[in-house]
Protein backbone atom coordinates (compact mmCIF):
# COMPACT_ATOMS: atom_id res chain seq x y z
CA MET A 1 -9.49 18.36 31.66
CA HIS A 2 -9.31 19.12 35.36
CA ASP A 3 -8.06 22.65 34.58
CA LEU A 4 -11.07 23.25 32.32
CA ILE A 5 -13.46 22.22 35.07
CA VAL A 6 -11.67 24.45 37.59
CA PHE A 7 -11.85 27.35 35.11
CA ILE A 8 -15.59 26.89 34.57
CA VAL A 9 -16.27 26.56 38.32
CA SER A 10 -14.26 29.70 39.06
CA ASN A 11 -16.19 31.61 36.36
CA ALA A 12 -19.59 30.03 37.06
CA ALA A 13 -21.07 33.34 38.12
CA LEU A 14 -20.23 34.84 34.71
CA VAL A 15 -21.65 31.82 32.83
CA ILE A 16 -24.86 31.88 34.90
CA ALA A 17 -25.25 35.63 34.35
CA ASN A 18 -24.95 35.30 30.53
CA PRO A 19 -25.98 31.79 29.44
CA ALA A 20 -26.94 32.83 25.88
CA ALA A 21 -23.54 34.39 25.23
CA PHE A 22 -21.78 31.35 26.70
CA ALA A 23 -23.82 28.95 24.55
CA MET A 24 -23.23 31.08 21.43
CA PHE A 25 -19.47 31.14 21.96
CA ALA A 26 -19.44 27.41 22.72
CA VAL A 27 -21.27 26.63 19.46
CA LEU A 28 -19.08 29.04 17.43
CA PHE A 29 -15.77 27.76 18.78
CA GLY A 30 -16.88 24.12 18.80
CA GLY A 31 -18.20 24.33 15.22
CA GLY A 32 -15.14 26.26 14.08
CA GLY A 33 -12.82 23.67 15.60
CA PHE A 34 -14.76 20.88 13.95
CA ALA A 35 -14.65 22.65 10.56
CA VAL A 36 -10.90 23.28 10.77
CA GLY A 37 -10.23 19.69 11.83
CA ARG A 38 -12.40 18.37 9.04
CA TYR A 39 -10.60 20.59 6.50
CA PHE A 40 -7.16 19.34 7.55
CA LEU A 41 -8.24 15.68 7.70
CA THR A 42 -10.07 15.64 4.35
CA GLU A 43 -6.95 14.57 2.44
CA ARG A 44 -6.21 11.77 4.89
CA ILE A 45 -9.81 10.54 4.71
CA ALA A 46 -9.73 10.56 0.89
CA ASN A 47 -6.42 8.68 0.91
CA LEU A 48 -7.79 6.01 3.23
CA GLU A 49 -10.96 5.63 1.15
CA SER A 50 -8.91 5.16 -2.03
CA ARG A 51 -6.74 2.56 -0.30
CA ILE A 52 -9.87 0.67 0.80
CA ALA A 53 -11.26 0.77 -2.75
CA ARG A 54 -7.94 -0.46 -4.20
CA ARG A 55 -7.79 -3.26 -1.64
CA ASP A 56 -11.34 -4.33 -2.52
CA GLU A 57 -10.40 -4.42 -6.22
CA GLU A 58 -7.32 -6.52 -5.47
CA ILE A 59 -9.43 -8.94 -3.42
CA THR A 60 -11.93 -9.38 -6.26
CA ASP A 61 -9.07 -9.88 -8.76
CA LEU A 62 -7.46 -12.53 -6.57
CA ARG A 63 -10.77 -14.33 -6.09
CA ALA A 64 -11.35 -14.28 -9.85
CA LYS A 65 -7.87 -15.75 -10.40
CA GLN A 66 -8.58 -18.53 -7.91
CA LEU A 67 -11.82 -19.45 -9.66
CA ALA A 68 -10.38 -19.28 -13.20
CA PRO A 69 -8.94 -22.60 -14.48
CA GLU A 70 -5.25 -22.53 -15.27
CA HIS A 71 -4.04 -23.42 -18.76
CA GLU A 72 -1.88 -26.52 -18.90
CA ASP A 73 -0.78 -25.86 -22.47
CA PRO A 74 1.62 -22.98 -23.01
CA LEU A 75 0.24 -20.11 -25.00
CA VAL A 76 3.17 -20.23 -27.44
CA PRO A 77 4.10 -23.65 -28.86
CA LEU A 78 7.57 -24.80 -27.94
CA PHE A 79 8.73 -25.42 -31.50
CA GLN A 80 8.34 -21.73 -32.29
CA MET A 81 10.45 -20.62 -29.36
CA THR A 82 14.16 -20.09 -29.86
CA GLU A 83 16.81 -19.31 -27.34
CA VAL A 84 20.01 -17.56 -28.22
CA LEU A 85 22.80 -18.30 -25.78
CA PRO A 86 26.29 -16.86 -25.77
CA PRO A 87 29.10 -19.29 -26.56
CA PRO A 88 30.59 -21.03 -23.54
CA PRO A 89 33.77 -19.47 -22.19
CA LEU A 90 37.05 -20.97 -23.33
CA ASN A 91 38.51 -23.45 -20.92
CA PHE A 92 42.02 -24.39 -21.89
CA ASN A 93 42.27 -27.06 -19.18
CA ARG A 94 39.24 -28.86 -20.62
CA LEU A 95 40.66 -28.64 -24.16
CA LEU A 96 43.85 -30.31 -23.00
CA ALA A 97 41.84 -33.01 -21.23
CA GLN A 98 39.79 -33.63 -24.40
CA ARG A 99 42.96 -33.88 -26.49
CA LYS A 100 44.38 -36.52 -24.13
CA GLU A 101 41.11 -38.46 -24.24
CA ASN A 102 41.03 -38.43 -28.03
CA LEU A 103 44.53 -39.81 -28.39
CA HIS A 104 44.29 -43.44 -29.39
CA VAL A 105 47.29 -45.63 -28.87
CA GLY A 106 47.63 -48.58 -31.00
């Protein structure tokens, strides 16, 4: 910033001699820089706006879930539900222990 001030002070005679040209170039370059910056940041701005909208929707959904009463009864009755499990693995040590337990002496 200091260099810019030094540059303007060193060329003050030129700026004072042609103030309309200096103002025109300042507006052109300033407006052009703003337009280019806005063009490159448009995607980022749109992305942030969509994230804000999505967050607001999630907040309203969570608030609606908090206010909604929860069902204590399951939606599917338990007697209609079946569970298919694979057979237990063979355990020969347990089979031998069961055989010894089932032996009755006497």
